[in-house]
Amino acid sequence: MAADEKMKAQILSLIPQQPPFRFIDTIVDIDDRHISATYRFRNDEYFYQGHFPGRPITPGVILIETMAQAGVVALGISLLLHNGVQTADIQKATTLFTYAESLEFTGTVAPGEKVIIKGEKIYFRKGSIKTQAGIFRENGETVCAGVLAGTGVKLDE
């Protein structure tokens, strides 16, 4: 079942990463199997100052984080909500990144560039999620892709 705009906004509000370290502007489409989201890397992102002066590009680790936020965290939150987990319980937990495999970078992302982030569920069980994730240019060209996983953990109260 695809999420409506209210559900997409709720999922975005539940993502624990917040600006300046949240790399999702909008959720375009999300259901029990996949997510599609967008992010525009702003010209003044803090990491461009040193990566690389005079010719900035988005660090690969930030691209991995971007894929994880959409393909693991946001998709996982959506699945939890779909399975009846209450918002308050989701807010008492966070997702820890646990696994990365077969990561391949085939392009770079420049300041100001808008990307599309996609994630396809491989499995979701016992609070853990594994996805095939990727970042794409607006023309469909792949920038990077790989398999990512994470698990939900309760925060100390």
N, C-alpha and C. Protein backbone atom coordinates (compact mmCIF):
# COMPACT_ATOMS: atom_id res chain seq x y z
N MET A 1 0.84 -1.18 0.00
CA MET A 1 0.00 0.00 0.00
C MET A 1 0.88 1.25 0.00
N ALA A 2 0.72 2.10 -0.96
CA ALA A 2 1.50 3.33 -1.07
C ALA A 2 1.07 4.33 0.00
N ALA A 3 2.04 5.11 0.46
CA ALA A 3 1.77 6.09 1.51
C ALA A 3 1.22 7.38 0.92
N ASP A 4 0.28 8.01 1.64
CA ASP A 4 -0.23 9.31 1.22
C ASP A 4 0.71 10.40 1.73
N GLU A 5 0.41 11.65 1.39
CA GLU A 5 1.29 12.77 1.75
C GLU A 5 1.42 12.93 3.26
N LYS A 6 0.35 12.69 4.00
CA LYS A 6 0.39 12.79 5.46
C LYS A 6 1.34 11.75 6.04
N MET A 7 1.28 10.53 5.52
CA MET A 7 2.16 9.45 5.99
C MET A 7 3.61 9.76 5.64
N LYS A 8 3.87 10.29 4.45
CA LYS A 8 5.24 10.66 4.05
C LYS A 8 5.79 11.71 5.00
N ALA A 9 4.97 12.70 5.34
CA ALA A 9 5.40 13.75 6.27
C ALA A 9 5.68 13.17 7.65
N GLN A 10 4.86 12.22 8.08
CA GLN A 10 5.07 11.58 9.38
C GLN A 10 6.39 10.81 9.39
N ILE A 11 6.67 10.08 8.32
CA ILE A 11 7.92 9.32 8.23
C ILE A 11 9.11 10.27 8.29
N LEU A 12 9.06 11.36 7.51
CA LEU A 12 10.15 12.35 7.54
C LEU A 12 10.36 12.90 8.94
N SER A 13 9.27 13.16 9.66
CA SER A 13 9.39 13.73 11.01
C SER A 13 9.99 12.74 12.00
N LEU A 14 9.89 11.45 11.71
CA LEU A 14 10.40 10.42 12.62
C LEU A 14 11.85 10.02 12.34
N ILE A 15 12.42 10.50 11.25
CA ILE A 15 13.82 10.19 10.95
C ILE A 15 14.68 10.88 12.00
N PRO A 16 15.52 10.14 12.72
CA PRO A 16 16.29 10.76 13.81
C PRO A 16 17.35 11.75 13.32
N GLN A 17 17.89 11.56 12.13
CA GLN A 17 18.86 12.52 11.60
C GLN A 17 18.12 13.78 11.20
N GLN A 18 18.64 14.91 11.62
CA GLN A 18 18.02 16.20 11.33
C GLN A 18 19.06 17.13 10.70
N PRO A 19 18.59 18.20 10.04
CA PRO A 19 19.54 19.15 9.45
C PRO A 19 20.51 19.65 10.51
N PRO A 20 21.76 19.77 10.16
CA PRO A 20 22.33 19.71 8.82
C PRO A 20 22.77 18.31 8.40
N PHE A 21 22.31 17.27 9.09
CA PHE A 21 22.78 15.92 8.76
C PHE A 21 21.64 15.02 8.29
N ARG A 22 20.56 15.57 7.81
CA ARG A 22 19.52 14.77 7.17
C ARG A 22 19.59 15.04 5.67
N PHE A 23 19.72 13.97 4.90
CA PHE A 23 19.91 14.08 3.46
C PHE A 23 18.71 13.55 2.68
N ILE A 24 17.52 13.91 3.15
CA ILE A 24 16.27 13.63 2.44
C ILE A 24 15.45 14.90 2.50
N ASP A 25 15.09 15.44 1.34
CA ASP A 25 14.18 16.59 1.29
C ASP A 25 12.73 16.12 1.19
N THR A 26 12.48 15.18 0.30
CA THR A 26 11.12 14.69 0.08
C THR A 26 11.12 13.19 -0.13
N ILE A 27 10.04 12.58 0.30
CA ILE A 27 9.77 11.18 -0.05
C ILE A 27 8.80 11.24 -1.22
N VAL A 28 9.23 10.74 -2.35
CA VAL A 28 8.41 10.78 -3.56
C VAL A 28 7.40 9.64 -3.54
N ASP A 29 7.86 8.45 -3.18
CA ASP A 29 7.02 7.26 -3.21
C ASP A 29 7.56 6.27 -2.18
N ILE A 30 6.66 5.61 -1.47
CA ILE A 30 7.09 4.61 -0.49
C ILE A 30 5.96 3.60 -0.29
N ASP A 31 6.33 2.33 -0.23
CA ASP A 31 5.37 1.27 0.08
C ASP A 31 6.12 0.16 0.82
N ASP A 32 5.54 -1.00 0.91
CA ASP A 32 6.14 -2.09 1.69
C ASP A 32 7.40 -2.69 1.06
N ARG A 33 7.70 -2.34 -0.17
CA ARG A 33 8.85 -2.93 -0.86
C ARG A 33 9.93 -1.93 -1.21
N HIS A 34 9.58 -0.65 -1.37
CA HIS A 34 10.59 0.29 -1.87
C HIS A 34 10.34 1.72 -1.38
N ILE A 35 11.35 2.54 -1.60
CA ILE A 35 11.25 3.97 -1.34
C ILE A 35 11.96 4.71 -2.47
N SER A 36 11.44 5.88 -2.79
CA SER A 36 12.08 6.81 -3.70
C SER A 36 12.01 8.18 -3.03
N ALA A 37 13.16 8.82 -2.88
CA ALA A 37 13.24 10.11 -2.21
C ALA A 37 14.19 11.02 -2.98
N THR A 38 14.19 12.30 -2.62
CA THR A 38 15.10 13.24 -3.27
C THR A 38 15.86 14.06 -2.23
N TYR A 39 17.00 14.57 -2.67
CA TYR A 39 17.76 15.51 -1.86
C TYR A 39 18.58 16.40 -2.79
N ARG A 40 18.59 17.69 -2.50
CA ARG A 40 19.46 18.61 -3.22
C ARG A 40 20.61 18.96 -2.29
N PHE A 41 21.83 18.61 -2.70
CA PHE A 41 23.02 18.96 -1.92
C PHE A 41 23.26 20.46 -2.08
N ARG A 42 23.08 21.18 -1.00
CA ARG A 42 23.20 22.63 -1.04
C ARG A 42 24.65 23.07 -1.21
N ASN A 43 24.81 24.20 -1.85
CA ASN A 43 26.15 24.73 -2.10
C ASN A 43 26.93 25.01 -0.83
N ASP A 44 26.24 25.27 0.28
CA ASP A 44 26.92 25.62 1.52
C ASP A 44 27.01 24.46 2.52
N GLU A 45 26.84 23.21 2.06
CA GLU A 45 26.98 22.07 2.97
C GLU A 45 28.36 22.16 3.64
N TYR A 46 28.40 21.86 4.93
CA TYR A 46 29.61 22.05 5.73
C TYR A 46 30.81 21.26 5.20
N PHE A 47 30.60 20.12 4.57
CA PHE A 47 31.71 19.26 4.17
C PHE A 47 32.40 19.71 2.89
N TYR A 48 31.76 20.58 2.10
CA TYR A 48 32.39 21.02 0.85
C TYR A 48 33.61 21.91 1.09
N GLN A 49 33.65 22.58 2.22
CA GLN A 49 34.76 23.49 2.49
C GLN A 49 36.11 22.77 2.44
N GLY A 50 36.15 21.52 2.87
CA GLY A 50 37.41 20.80 2.87
C GLY A 50 37.47 19.62 1.92
N HIS A 51 36.42 19.39 1.13
CA HIS A 51 36.37 18.19 0.26
C HIS A 51 35.94 18.58 -1.14
N PHE A 52 36.64 19.03 -1.97
CA PHE A 52 38.04 19.46 -1.98
C PHE A 52 38.05 20.94 -2.31
N PRO A 53 38.87 21.73 -1.59
CA PRO A 53 38.89 23.18 -1.83
C PRO A 53 39.15 23.50 -3.31
N GLY A 54 38.28 24.36 -3.86
CA GLY A 54 38.42 24.74 -5.26
C GLY A 54 37.70 23.82 -6.22
N ARG A 55 37.42 22.59 -5.83
CA ARG A 55 36.70 21.63 -6.69
C ARG A 55 35.89 20.67 -5.81
N PRO A 56 34.92 21.20 -5.08
CA PRO A 56 34.20 20.38 -4.11
C PRO A 56 33.34 19.29 -4.75
N ILE A 57 33.35 18.12 -4.12
CA ILE A 57 32.43 17.04 -4.48
C ILE A 57 31.91 16.43 -3.17
N THR A 58 30.77 15.81 -3.26
CA THR A 58 30.16 15.19 -2.09
C THR A 58 30.95 13.94 -1.70
N PRO A 59 31.39 13.85 -0.43
CA PRO A 59 32.15 12.68 0.01
C PRO A 59 31.35 11.38 -0.13
N GLY A 60 32.03 10.31 -0.49
CA GLY A 60 31.39 9.00 -0.63
C GLY A 60 30.68 8.57 0.64
N VAL A 61 31.27 8.86 1.79
CA VAL A 61 30.64 8.47 3.05
C VAL A 61 29.31 9.20 3.24
N ILE A 62 29.18 10.42 2.74
CA ILE A 62 27.92 11.15 2.81
C ILE A 62 26.90 10.52 1.85
N LEU A 63 27.36 10.06 0.70
CA LEU A 63 26.45 9.38 -0.22
C LEU A 63 25.94 8.08 0.40
N ILE A 64 26.80 7.34 1.09
CA ILE A 64 26.37 6.13 1.79
C ILE A 64 25.34 6.49 2.85
N GLU A 65 25.62 7.54 3.62
CA GLU A 65 24.67 7.99 4.64
C GLU A 65 23.33 8.37 4.02
N THR A 66 23.37 9.02 2.87
CA THR A 66 22.14 9.42 2.17
C THR A 66 21.33 8.19 1.80
N MET A 67 21.99 7.17 1.23
CA MET A 67 21.29 5.93 0.88
C MET A 67 20.73 5.26 2.12
N ALA A 68 21.49 5.26 3.23
CA ALA A 68 21.04 4.61 4.46
C ALA A 68 19.84 5.34 5.06
N GLN A 69 19.86 6.67 5.04
CA GLN A 69 18.74 7.41 5.61
C GLN A 69 17.44 7.11 4.89
N ALA A 70 17.48 7.00 3.58
CA ALA A 70 16.26 6.70 2.82
C ALA A 70 15.97 5.20 2.82
N GLY A 71 16.94 4.42 2.35
CA GLY A 71 16.71 3.00 2.10
C GLY A 71 16.65 2.13 3.33
N VAL A 72 17.23 2.58 4.44
CA VAL A 72 17.20 1.80 5.67
C VAL A 72 16.29 2.47 6.70
N VAL A 73 16.58 3.72 7.06
CA VAL A 73 15.85 4.38 8.14
C VAL A 73 14.40 4.70 7.74
N ALA A 74 14.21 5.49 6.68
CA ALA A 74 12.86 5.90 6.30
C ALA A 74 12.00 4.70 5.90
N LEU A 75 12.55 3.78 5.12
CA LEU A 75 11.78 2.60 4.72
C LEU A 75 11.47 1.74 5.94
N GLY A 76 12.42 1.61 6.85
CA GLY A 76 12.19 0.85 8.09
C GLY A 76 11.09 1.47 8.94
N ILE A 77 11.10 2.79 9.08
CA ILE A 77 10.05 3.48 9.85
C ILE A 77 8.69 3.24 9.20
N SER A 78 8.63 3.31 7.89
CA SER A 78 7.39 3.06 7.17
C SER A 78 6.86 1.65 7.45
N LEU A 79 7.75 0.68 7.43
CA LEU A 79 7.35 -0.71 7.69
C LEU A 79 6.88 -0.89 9.13
N LEU A 80 7.55 -0.23 10.07
CA LEU A 80 7.12 -0.29 11.47
C LEU A 80 5.71 0.29 11.62
N LEU A 81 5.48 1.46 11.03
CA LEU A 81 4.15 2.08 11.10
C LEU A 81 3.10 1.17 10.47
N HIS A 82 3.43 0.58 9.34
CA HIS A 82 2.51 -0.33 8.65
C HIS A 82 2.18 -1.54 9.50
N ASN A 83 3.15 -1.96 10.33
CA ASN A 83 2.95 -3.12 11.21
C ASN A 83 2.33 -2.74 12.55
N GLY A 84 1.88 -1.49 12.69
CA GLY A 84 1.16 -1.09 13.88
C GLY A 84 1.99 -0.56 15.03
N VAL A 85 3.28 -0.36 14.83
CA VAL A 85 4.11 0.21 15.88
C VAL A 85 3.73 1.68 16.05
N GLN A 86 3.58 2.10 17.28
CA GLN A 86 3.15 3.46 17.59
C GLN A 86 4.28 4.47 17.40
N THR A 87 3.90 5.68 17.01
CA THR A 87 4.86 6.76 16.81
C THR A 87 5.73 6.97 18.04
N ALA A 88 5.14 6.96 19.22
CA ALA A 88 5.91 7.17 20.46
C ALA A 88 6.98 6.11 20.64
N ASP A 89 6.70 4.87 20.26
CA ASP A 89 7.69 3.80 20.37
C ASP A 89 8.82 3.98 19.35
N ILE A 90 8.47 4.45 18.16
CA ILE A 90 9.50 4.71 17.15
C ILE A 90 10.41 5.84 17.61
N GLN A 91 9.84 6.86 18.25
CA GLN A 91 10.64 7.98 18.74
C GLN A 91 11.58 7.59 19.87
N LYS A 92 11.32 6.47 20.53
CA LYS A 92 12.17 5.99 21.63
C LYS A 92 13.32 5.11 21.11
N ALA A 93 13.45 5.01 19.80
CA ALA A 93 14.48 4.16 19.21
C ALA A 93 15.21 4.90 18.11
N THR A 94 16.29 4.31 17.65
CA THR A 94 17.01 4.83 16.50
C THR A 94 17.51 3.64 15.69
N THR A 95 17.90 3.89 14.48
CA THR A 95 18.43 2.83 13.63
C THR A 95 19.93 2.96 13.55
N LEU A 96 20.62 1.89 13.87
CA LEU A 96 22.07 1.87 13.75
C LEU A 96 22.45 1.16 12.46
N PHE A 97 23.37 1.75 11.74
CA PHE A 97 23.89 1.19 10.50
C PHE A 97 24.73 -0.03 10.85
N THR A 98 24.45 -1.17 10.24
CA THR A 98 25.13 -2.41 10.63
C THR A 98 25.91 -3.10 9.52
N TYR A 99 25.66 -2.72 8.26
CA TYR A 99 26.22 -3.55 7.19
C TYR A 99 26.24 -2.78 5.87
N ALA A 100 27.31 -2.95 5.13
CA ALA A 100 27.41 -2.41 3.77
C ALA A 100 28.15 -3.43 2.92
N GLU A 101 27.66 -3.65 1.72
CA GLU A 101 28.26 -4.65 0.84
C GLU A 101 28.12 -4.20 -0.61
N SER A 102 29.08 -4.56 -1.39
CA SER A 102 29.05 -4.34 -2.84
C SER A 102 28.78 -2.88 -3.21
N LEU A 103 29.38 -1.97 -2.45
CA LEU A 103 29.21 -0.55 -2.77
C LEU A 103 30.05 -0.21 -3.99
N GLU A 104 29.42 0.48 -4.93
CA GLU A 104 30.13 0.89 -6.12
C GLU A 104 29.78 2.33 -6.43
N PHE A 105 30.82 3.13 -6.65
CA PHE A 105 30.66 4.54 -7.00
C PHE A 105 31.01 4.71 -8.47
N THR A 106 30.05 5.22 -9.24
CA THR A 106 30.26 5.37 -10.68
C THR A 106 30.18 6.83 -11.12
N GLY A 107 30.05 7.73 -10.15
CA GLY A 107 29.98 9.15 -10.46
C GLY A 107 30.19 9.98 -9.21
N THR A 108 30.19 11.28 -9.38
CA THR A 108 30.31 12.19 -8.25
C THR A 108 29.09 13.09 -8.22
N VAL A 109 28.87 13.70 -7.05
CA VAL A 109 27.76 14.63 -6.87
C VAL A 109 28.35 15.99 -6.53
N ALA A 110 27.99 17.00 -7.32
CA ALA A 110 28.50 18.35 -7.13
C ALA A 110 27.59 19.16 -6.21
N PRO A 111 28.12 20.20 -5.60
CA PRO A 111 27.28 21.11 -4.83
C PRO A 111 26.13 21.63 -5.70
N GLY A 112 24.95 21.69 -5.13
CA GLY A 112 23.78 22.17 -5.85
C GLY A 112 23.02 21.10 -6.61
N GLU A 113 23.58 19.91 -6.72
CA GLU A 113 22.95 18.85 -7.51
C GLU A 113 21.83 18.16 -6.73
N LYS A 114 20.73 17.91 -7.43
CA LYS A 114 19.61 17.16 -6.86
C LYS A 114 19.76 15.70 -7.27
N VAL A 115 19.58 14.80 -6.30
CA VAL A 115 19.68 13.37 -6.57
C VAL A 115 18.39 12.67 -6.16
N ILE A 116 18.20 11.50 -6.73
CA ILE A 116 17.09 10.62 -6.39
C ILE A 116 17.69 9.42 -5.67
N ILE A 117 17.14 9.11 -4.50
CA ILE A 117 17.62 8.00 -3.69
C ILE A 117 16.55 6.92 -3.75
N LYS A 118 16.96 5.69 -4.03
CA LYS A 118 16.01 4.58 -4.10
C LYS A 118 16.49 3.45 -3.21
N GLY A 119 15.54 2.77 -2.61
CA GLY A 119 15.83 1.59 -1.81
C GLY A 119 14.79 0.53 -2.07
N GLU A 120 15.26 -0.70 -2.19
CA GLU A 120 14.37 -1.85 -2.42
C GLU A 120 14.62 -2.85 -1.29
N LYS A 121 13.56 -3.18 -0.56
CA LYS A 121 13.68 -4.09 0.59
C LYS A 121 14.14 -5.47 0.14
N ILE A 122 15.17 -5.97 0.82
CA ILE A 122 15.59 -7.37 0.66
C ILE A 122 14.90 -8.19 1.74
N TYR A 123 14.99 -7.72 3.01
CA TYR A 123 14.22 -8.32 4.09
C TYR A 123 14.00 -7.31 5.20
N PHE A 124 12.97 -7.57 6.00
CA PHE A 124 12.67 -6.80 7.20
C PHE A 124 12.16 -7.80 8.23
N ARG A 125 12.95 -8.01 9.28
CA ARG A 125 12.54 -8.96 10.32
C ARG A 125 13.23 -8.63 11.64
N LYS A 126 12.50 -8.84 12.72
CA LYS A 126 13.01 -8.65 14.08
C LYS A 126 13.71 -7.30 14.26
N GLY A 127 13.12 -6.26 13.68
CA GLY A 127 13.67 -4.92 13.83
C GLY A 127 14.88 -4.61 12.98
N SER A 128 15.23 -5.51 12.07
CA SER A 128 16.37 -5.29 11.16
C SER A 128 15.88 -5.22 9.73
N ILE A 129 16.56 -4.39 8.94
CA ILE A 129 16.20 -4.23 7.54
C ILE A 129 17.46 -4.27 6.69
N LYS A 130 17.33 -4.90 5.54
CA LYS A 130 18.41 -4.96 4.55
C LYS A 130 17.82 -4.53 3.22
N THR A 131 18.53 -3.61 2.52
CA THR A 131 18.02 -3.08 1.27
C THR A 131 19.10 -3.00 0.19
N GLN A 132 18.64 -3.01 -1.04
CA GLN A 132 19.47 -2.65 -2.18
C GLN A 132 19.19 -1.18 -2.40
N ALA A 133 20.20 -0.33 -2.28
CA ALA A 133 19.99 1.11 -2.36
C ALA A 133 20.86 1.73 -3.43
N GLY A 134 20.42 2.89 -3.92
CA GLY A 134 21.21 3.59 -4.93
C GLY A 134 20.88 5.07 -4.97
N ILE A 135 21.81 5.83 -5.51
CA ILE A 135 21.61 7.25 -5.77
C ILE A 135 21.73 7.46 -7.27
N PHE A 136 20.80 8.26 -7.81
CA PHE A 136 20.72 8.47 -9.24
C PHE A 136 20.58 9.95 -9.54
N ARG A 137 21.12 10.36 -10.67
CA ARG A 137 20.91 11.72 -11.15
C ARG A 137 19.47 11.82 -11.67
N GLU A 138 19.02 13.03 -11.88
CA GLU A 138 17.66 13.23 -12.38
C GLU A 138 17.46 12.60 -13.76
N ASN A 139 18.55 12.43 -14.53
CA ASN A 139 18.45 11.79 -15.85
C ASN A 139 18.49 10.27 -15.77
N GLY A 140 18.55 9.70 -14.54
CA GLY A 140 18.55 8.26 -14.34
C GLY A 140 19.91 7.63 -14.21
N GLU A 141 20.98 8.38 -14.48
CA GLU A 141 22.34 7.85 -14.38
C GLU A 141 22.66 7.48 -12.93
N THR A 142 23.23 6.28 -12.74
CA THR A 142 23.60 5.82 -11.41
C THR A 142 24.86 6.51 -10.93
N VAL A 143 24.82 7.01 -9.69
CA VAL A 143 25.98 7.62 -9.05
C VAL A 143 26.67 6.60 -8.15
N CYS A 144 25.89 5.86 -7.37
CA CYS A 144 26.42 4.82 -6.50
C CYS A 144 25.29 3.87 -6.11
N ALA A 145 25.68 2.67 -5.70
CA ALA A 145 24.69 1.67 -5.30
C ALA A 145 25.36 0.62 -4.43
N GLY A 146 24.56 -0.08 -3.66
CA GLY A 146 25.07 -1.16 -2.82
C GLY A 146 23.99 -1.72 -1.93
N VAL A 147 24.37 -2.69 -1.12
CA VAL A 147 23.46 -3.31 -0.16
C VAL A 147 23.78 -2.75 1.21
N LEU A 148 22.75 -2.26 1.90
CA LEU A 148 22.91 -1.66 3.22
C LEU A 148 21.93 -2.29 4.20
N ALA A 149 22.31 -2.31 5.48
CA ALA A 149 21.42 -2.86 6.50
C ALA A 149 21.54 -2.05 7.77
N GLY A 150 20.50 -2.14 8.59
CA GLY A 150 20.49 -1.47 9.88
C GLY A 150 19.54 -2.19 10.80
N THR A 151 19.64 -1.84 12.08
CA THR A 151 18.76 -2.44 13.07
C THR A 151 18.30 -1.38 14.05
N GLY A 152 17.06 -1.51 14.50
CA GLY A 152 16.51 -0.56 15.45
C GLY A 152 16.94 -0.90 16.87
N VAL A 153 17.34 0.12 17.61
CA VAL A 153 17.72 -0.07 19.02
C VAL A 153 17.01 1.00 19.86
N LYS A 154 16.58 0.60 21.05
CA LYS A 154 15.93 1.54 21.96
C LYS A 154 16.96 2.44 22.57
N LEU A 155 16.61 3.72 22.66
CA LEU A 155 17.48 4.70 23.29
C LEU A 155 17.28 4.65 24.79
N ASP A 156 18.35 4.95 25.53
CA ASP A 156 18.22 5.05 26.99
C ASP A 156 17.33 6.23 27.31
N GLU A 157 16.44 6.02 28.26
CA GLU A 157 15.53 7.12 28.63
C GLU A 157 16.03 7.85 29.84
